[in-house]
């Protein structure tokens, strides 16, 4: 089965396109401070570039390797030094989202500098090495993935929402870079990775049920098949037809804009044409009628509320 067969729009993008272009006025990030985890290279670096093109005022990239972050900031400053009316401020901050103290230190730093983060892009991830039998893994090795991909992302979200500098009533935008692996057979020994990514994508989707889009707009998406530094360690470049980094990078900007507000809490693919989605009346109907549509959940069961369950005969004493 090809990835194209999983498309929900007639157009299947492998590169960026005008509707998600960061230069599009309706997608402007002017005046916003954006924080990107795993921002030193690969898709994280490209997402930083896209937000810079969209006019973000400050872009903070976070990662574990200081040298990589510093080099990335040098490249970004050089590329956008002539931006008008002013170039973005690029800040590198070493940190590990698998460590609670490191996360707290990051947000303490931002608060001390008077930086209010309007957009949070959760891109950093713990990926299981390929080629191992899952049941031969040490429990500690397994839990490292949960510490980063679930626990770390959760604590980042908590700190983001509860920023002391957040103006009353100010909407936030959270972008969760997920993976198609949440609903596909995993690659060799990627079961722990896809399980942790599934868990957080499910969690953040349910948090979106608790928080209206006016409070925090939440979008999760599959970025595509990308030939990154991590992929290069395990996969030959000629093995797949890879997508261009600009696709998911620009998509992140679109997902942080009002144009994506109607998809609050859903899990999407960057490949799907956003204009076709909006024009598809059947798609819009399913979004309204099916609470579990484009969410990570057990499929095959009719959606039922807890109130309806408790009111059913024989269950009123649960």
Protein backbone atom coordinates (compact mmCIF):
# COMPACT_ATOMS: atom_id res chain seq x y z
CA UNK A 1 0.00 0.00 0.00
CA UNK A 2 1.42 3.38 -0.97
CA UNK A 3 1.11 6.45 1.23
CA UNK A 4 -0.82 8.11 -1.59
CA UNK A 5 -3.67 5.63 -1.00
CA UNK A 6 -4.17 7.10 2.47
CA UNK A 7 -4.93 10.52 1.06
CA UNK A 8 -8.25 12.21 1.83
CA UNK A 9 -7.93 14.85 -0.88
CA UNK A 10 -7.48 14.34 -4.60
CA UNK A 11 -4.25 16.33 -4.45
CA UNK A 12 -1.29 14.75 -2.64
CA UNK A 13 1.44 17.31 -1.98
CA UNK A 14 5.11 16.45 -1.63
CA UNK A 15 6.34 20.04 -1.58
CA UNK A 16 5.01 23.38 -0.38
CA UNK A 17 2.30 25.21 -2.33
CA UNK A 18 0.67 28.68 -2.34
CA UNK A 19 -2.12 27.96 0.15
CA UNK A 20 0.38 27.29 2.95
CA UNK A 21 3.06 29.76 1.87
CA UNK A 22 4.44 31.73 4.86
CA UNK A 23 4.39 34.84 2.67
CA UNK A 24 0.60 34.65 2.45
CA UNK A 25 -0.81 37.65 4.41
CA UNK A 26 -3.49 35.60 6.18
CA UNK A 27 -0.80 33.34 7.64
CA UNK A 28 1.30 36.19 9.04
CA UNK A 29 3.04 35.52 12.35
CA UNK A 30 4.00 39.16 12.73
CA UNK A 31 4.97 40.08 16.29
CA UNK A 32 4.77 36.54 17.60
CA UNK A 33 7.44 34.69 19.57
CA UNK A 34 7.74 31.05 18.48
CA UNK A 35 9.44 28.22 20.37
CA UNK A 36 10.48 25.10 18.46
CA UNK A 37 11.82 22.00 20.20
CA UNK A 38 14.34 20.00 18.21
CA UNK A 39 14.98 23.16 16.23
CA UNK A 40 18.67 22.79 15.48
CA UNK A 41 18.38 20.68 12.37
CA UNK A 42 16.10 18.78 10.01
CA UNK A 43 12.44 19.70 10.06
CA UNK A 44 12.82 21.81 13.21
CA UNK A 45 15.33 24.09 11.48
CA UNK A 46 13.09 24.34 8.42
CA UNK A 47 10.10 25.21 10.60
CA UNK A 48 12.16 28.02 12.11
CA UNK A 49 12.88 29.30 8.59
CA UNK A 50 9.20 29.21 7.67
CA UNK A 51 8.14 31.17 10.74
CA UNK A 52 10.87 33.70 9.99
CA UNK A 53 9.45 34.10 6.49
CA UNK A 54 6.01 34.62 8.05
CA UNK A 55 7.32 37.55 10.09
CA UNK A 56 7.72 36.08 13.59
CA UNK A 57 9.55 38.55 15.84
CA UNK A 58 11.39 36.01 17.98
CA UNK A 59 12.22 32.39 17.23
CA UNK A 60 13.64 30.25 20.01
CA UNK A 61 15.11 26.89 19.00
CA UNK A 62 15.68 24.27 21.68
CA UNK A 63 17.77 21.12 21.53
CA UNK A 64 20.30 19.01 23.41
CA UNK A 65 23.36 19.86 21.29
CA UNK A 66 24.61 23.39 21.87
CA UNK A 67 27.01 23.38 18.91
CA UNK A 68 24.24 22.38 16.51
CA UNK A 69 21.92 25.07 17.88
CA UNK A 70 24.58 27.76 17.68
CA UNK A 71 25.40 26.85 14.08
CA UNK A 72 21.71 26.91 13.20
CA UNK A 73 21.26 30.39 14.67
CA UNK A 74 24.25 31.67 12.69
CA UNK A 75 22.69 30.37 9.47
CA UNK A 76 19.28 31.82 10.29
CA UNK A 77 20.64 35.24 11.19
CA UNK A 78 22.60 35.38 7.97
CA UNK A 79 19.65 34.34 5.83
CA UNK A 80 17.19 36.80 7.37
CA UNK A 81 19.48 39.73 8.16
CA UNK A 82 17.82 41.88 5.51
CA UNK A 83 14.22 41.09 6.48
CA UNK A 84 11.88 44.05 6.66
CA UNK A 85 10.74 45.87 8.67
CA UNK A 86 13.22 44.09 11.00
CA UNK A 87 14.91 40.69 11.06
CA UNK A 88 13.61 38.15 13.58
CA UNK A 89 15.53 37.63 16.80
CA UNK A 90 16.89 34.08 16.84
CA UNK A 91 17.71 32.53 20.21
CA UNK A 92 19.33 29.14 20.84
CA UNK A 93 18.68 27.43 24.17
CA UNK A 94 20.22 24.11 25.15
CA UNK A 95 17.72 21.86 26.84
CA UNK A 96 16.39 18.31 27.13
CA UNK A 97 12.61 17.90 27.13
CA UNK A 98 13.06 14.47 28.68
CA UNK A 99 14.25 16.22 31.85
CA UNK A 100 11.78 18.12 34.03
CA UNK A 101 14.43 20.40 35.52
CA UNK A 102 15.66 21.31 32.04
CA UNK A 103 12.13 22.21 30.96
CA UNK A 104 11.58 24.35 34.06
CA UNK A 105 14.91 26.10 33.46
CA UNK A 106 13.89 26.91 29.89
CA UNK A 107 10.62 28.55 30.87
CA UNK A 108 12.26 30.36 33.80
CA UNK A 109 14.75 31.79 31.31
CA UNK A 110 12.01 32.95 28.94
CA UNK A 111 10.09 34.59 31.77
CA UNK A 112 13.23 36.33 33.07
CA UNK A 113 13.83 37.75 29.60
CA UNK A 114 10.26 38.98 29.29
CA UNK A 115 9.56 36.62 26.38
CA UNK A 116 5.94 35.53 25.98
CA UNK A 117 5.66 32.51 23.69
CA UNK A 118 2.63 32.70 21.42
CA UNK A 119 3.35 29.58 19.32
CA UNK A 120 4.81 26.30 20.60
CA UNK A 121 5.97 23.69 18.07
CA UNK A 122 6.54 20.29 19.70
CA UNK A 123 8.97 18.74 17.26
CA UNK A 124 11.67 17.03 19.36
CA UNK A 125 11.26 13.28 19.70
CA UNK A 126 12.95 10.20 21.07
CA UNK A 127 13.29 7.63 18.28
CA UNK A 128 13.98 3.97 19.00
CA UNK A 129 17.05 2.54 17.20
CA UNK A 130 16.08 0.31 14.30
CA UNK A 131 16.61 -3.42 14.08
CA UNK A 132 15.96 -4.55 17.65
CA UNK A 133 13.28 -6.87 19.01
CA UNK A 134 10.96 -4.74 21.12
CA UNK A 135 10.61 -7.42 23.79
CA UNK A 136 14.39 -7.59 24.13
CA UNK A 137 14.54 -3.94 25.10
CA UNK A 138 15.33 -2.89 28.64
CA UNK A 139 12.36 -1.26 30.40
CA UNK A 140 14.45 1.84 31.07
CA UNK A 141 15.17 2.16 27.34
CA UNK A 142 11.46 1.85 26.58
CA UNK A 143 10.50 4.45 29.15
CA UNK A 144 12.98 6.99 27.74
CA UNK A 145 10.61 7.33 24.80
CA UNK A 146 7.65 7.98 27.08
CA UNK A 147 9.67 10.48 29.14
CA UNK A 148 10.32 12.58 26.03
CA UNK A 149 7.42 11.96 23.64
CA UNK A 150 4.68 11.97 26.27
CA UNK A 151 5.93 13.35 29.58
CA UNK A 152 8.24 15.99 28.12
CA UNK A 153 5.69 17.23 25.61
CA UNK A 154 3.02 17.29 28.31
CA UNK A 155 5.14 19.39 30.68
CA UNK A 156 6.11 21.73 27.84
CA UNK A 157 2.41 22.20 27.14
CA UNK A 158 1.61 22.89 30.81
CA UNK A 159 4.37 25.51 31.05
CA UNK A 160 3.24 27.05 27.76
CA UNK A 161 -0.38 27.45 28.80
CA UNK A 162 0.48 28.78 32.26
CA UNK A 163 3.04 31.42 31.28
CA UNK A 164 3.08 34.27 33.83
CA UNK A 165 3.46 36.75 30.98
CA UNK A 166 0.40 35.56 29.09
CA UNK A 167 -2.10 38.39 28.67
CA UNK A 168 -5.61 37.62 29.88
CA UNK A 169 -7.66 36.18 27.03
CA UNK A 170 -4.66 35.78 24.71
CA UNK A 171 -5.03 32.80 22.39
CA UNK A 172 -2.12 30.38 22.07
CA UNK A 173 -1.17 28.08 19.20
CA UNK A 174 0.25 24.61 19.77
CA UNK A 175 1.58 22.47 16.92
CA UNK A 176 2.29 18.80 17.57
CA UNK A 177 4.55 17.22 14.94
CA UNK A 178 3.36 13.62 15.04
CA UNK A 179 3.77 10.70 12.63
CA UNK A 180 1.73 8.58 10.25
CA UNK A 181 3.02 5.64 12.27
CA UNK A 182 0.16 6.15 14.72
CA UNK A 183 -2.13 4.37 12.25
CA UNK A 184 0.25 2.24 10.22
CA UNK A 185 2.28 -0.92 10.79
CA UNK A 186 5.55 0.41 12.26
CA UNK A 187 8.94 0.09 10.61
CA UNK A 188 11.35 -2.42 12.24
CA UNK A 189 11.42 -1.82 16.02
CA UNK A 190 9.52 1.44 15.77
CA UNK A 191 6.68 0.06 17.87
CA UNK A 192 7.87 1.94 21.01
CA UNK A 193 8.27 5.18 19.03
CA UNK A 194 4.87 5.00 17.35
CA UNK A 195 3.21 3.99 20.61
CA UNK A 196 4.57 7.02 22.43
CA UNK A 197 3.66 9.33 19.55
CA UNK A 198 0.17 7.82 19.48
CA UNK A 199 -0.19 8.36 23.22
CA UNK A 200 0.66 12.05 23.12
CA UNK A 201 -1.36 12.72 19.96
CA UNK A 202 -4.35 11.10 21.69
CA UNK A 203 -3.69 13.09 24.87
CA UNK A 204 -3.36 16.47 23.18
CA UNK A 205 -6.47 15.74 21.11
CA UNK A 206 -8.46 15.17 24.29
CA UNK A 207 -6.98 18.27 25.90
CA UNK A 208 -8.38 20.13 22.88
CA UNK A 209 -11.82 18.93 23.98
CA UNK A 210 -11.25 20.61 27.35
CA UNK A 211 -9.90 23.86 25.93
CA UNK A 212 -11.78 25.91 23.31
CA UNK A 213 -9.87 27.04 20.24
CA UNK A 214 -10.14 30.64 21.46
CA UNK A 215 -7.94 29.63 24.40
CA UNK A 216 -5.41 27.40 22.66
CA UNK A 217 -5.58 26.20 19.07
CA UNK A 218 -4.15 22.67 18.85
CA UNK A 219 -3.22 20.93 15.62
CA UNK A 220 -1.36 17.61 15.26
CA UNK A 221 0.04 16.53 11.93
CA UNK A 222 2.13 13.96 10.10
CA UNK A 223 5.02 15.85 8.46
CA UNK A 224 5.72 13.36 5.68
CA UNK A 225 8.60 11.09 4.71
CA UNK A 226 11.66 13.27 5.28
CA UNK A 227 15.28 12.40 4.65
CA UNK A 228 16.67 13.91 7.82
CA UNK A 229 19.91 13.35 9.71
CA UNK A 230 18.15 10.73 11.80
CA UNK A 231 16.71 8.89 8.80
CA UNK A 232 20.11 8.87 7.10
CA UNK A 233 21.51 6.72 9.92
CA UNK A 234 19.19 3.84 9.09
CA UNK A 235 17.71 4.27 5.61
CA UNK A 236 19.28 4.48 2.15
CA UNK A 237 18.22 7.68 0.41
CA UNK A 238 17.15 5.71 -2.68
CA UNK A 239 14.78 3.52 -0.68
CA UNK A 240 11.86 5.97 -0.70
CA UNK A 241 10.46 8.89 -2.59
CA UNK A 242 11.09 11.55 0.01
CA UNK A 243 9.03 14.68 0.62
CA UNK A 244 10.53 18.16 0.60
CA UNK A 245 11.18 19.70 4.02
CA UNK A 246 9.41 22.88 2.95
CA UNK A 247 6.06 21.05 2.95
CA UNK A 248 5.78 20.30 6.68
CA UNK A 249 7.70 23.47 7.58
CA UNK A 250 5.24 25.77 5.84
CA UNK A 251 2.37 23.59 7.02
CA UNK A 252 3.33 24.40 10.62
CA UNK A 253 2.83 28.10 9.88
CA UNK A 254 -0.57 27.40 8.33
CA UNK A 255 -1.54 25.26 11.34
CA UNK A 256 -0.70 28.18 13.65
CA UNK A 257 -3.01 30.53 11.77
CA UNK A 258 -6.76 31.26 12.02
CA UNK A 259 -7.21 29.36 8.74
CA UNK A 260 -6.69 26.09 10.63
CA UNK A 261 -8.94 26.91 13.60
CA UNK A 262 -11.79 24.73 12.33
CA UNK A 263 -9.49 21.67 12.68
CA UNK A 264 -8.78 22.26 16.38
CA UNK A 265 -7.75 19.02 18.08
CA UNK A 266 -7.50 16.93 14.92
CA UNK A 267 -4.66 14.87 13.46
CA UNK A 268 -3.89 15.65 9.81
CA UNK A 269 -1.31 14.95 7.13
CA UNK A 270 0.78 17.72 5.61
CA UNK A 271 0.18 16.04 2.24
CA UNK A 272 -3.53 16.85 2.24
CA UNK A 273 -4.52 19.95 0.28
CA UNK A 274 -5.93 22.46 2.76
CA UNK A 275 -8.18 24.22 0.22
CA UNK A 276 -9.73 20.92 -0.84
CA UNK A 277 -10.36 19.98 2.78
CA UNK A 278 -12.21 23.23 3.41
CA UNK A 279 -14.26 22.92 0.22
CA UNK A 280 -15.23 19.30 0.90
CA UNK A 281 -18.74 19.43 2.39
CA UNK A 282 -18.69 15.75 3.32
CA UNK A 283 -15.41 16.25 5.19
CA UNK A 284 -16.85 19.20 7.12
CA UNK A 285 -19.97 17.17 7.91
CA UNK A 286 -17.91 14.34 9.36
CA UNK A 287 -15.93 16.78 11.52
CA UNK A 288 -19.17 18.04 13.05
CA UNK A 289 -20.92 14.70 13.42
CA UNK A 290 -18.05 12.36 14.34
CA UNK A 291 -16.19 13.38 17.45
CA UNK A 292 -13.57 10.69 16.82
CA UNK A 293 -12.91 11.63 13.19
CA UNK A 294 -9.19 12.36 12.64
CA UNK A 295 -8.38 11.60 16.26
CA UNK A 296 -6.28 8.82 17.75
CA UNK A 297 -8.75 6.36 19.30
CA UNK A 298 -10.16 2.86 19.05
CA UNK A 299 -12.21 2.78 15.87
CA UNK A 300 -15.31 0.72 15.25
CA UNK A 301 -17.28 1.83 18.31
CA UNK A 302 -20.03 4.39 18.05
CA UNK A 303 -19.15 7.54 19.95
CA UNK A 304 -21.14 7.81 23.17
CA UNK A 305 -21.00 10.37 25.95
CA UNK A 306 -20.50 9.35 29.57
CA UNK A 307 -23.82 11.02 30.43
CA UNK A 308 -25.64 8.88 27.91
CA UNK A 309 -23.91 5.79 29.30
CA UNK A 310 -24.84 6.57 32.90
CA UNK A 311 -28.46 7.25 31.95
CA UNK A 312 -28.91 3.90 30.24
CA UNK A 313 -31.10 1.41 32.09
CA UNK A 314 -28.99 -0.79 34.33
CA UNK A 315 -26.04 1.62 34.42
CA UNK A 316 -27.48 4.44 36.49
CA UNK A 317 -25.64 3.28 39.60
CA UNK A 318 -22.13 3.16 38.06
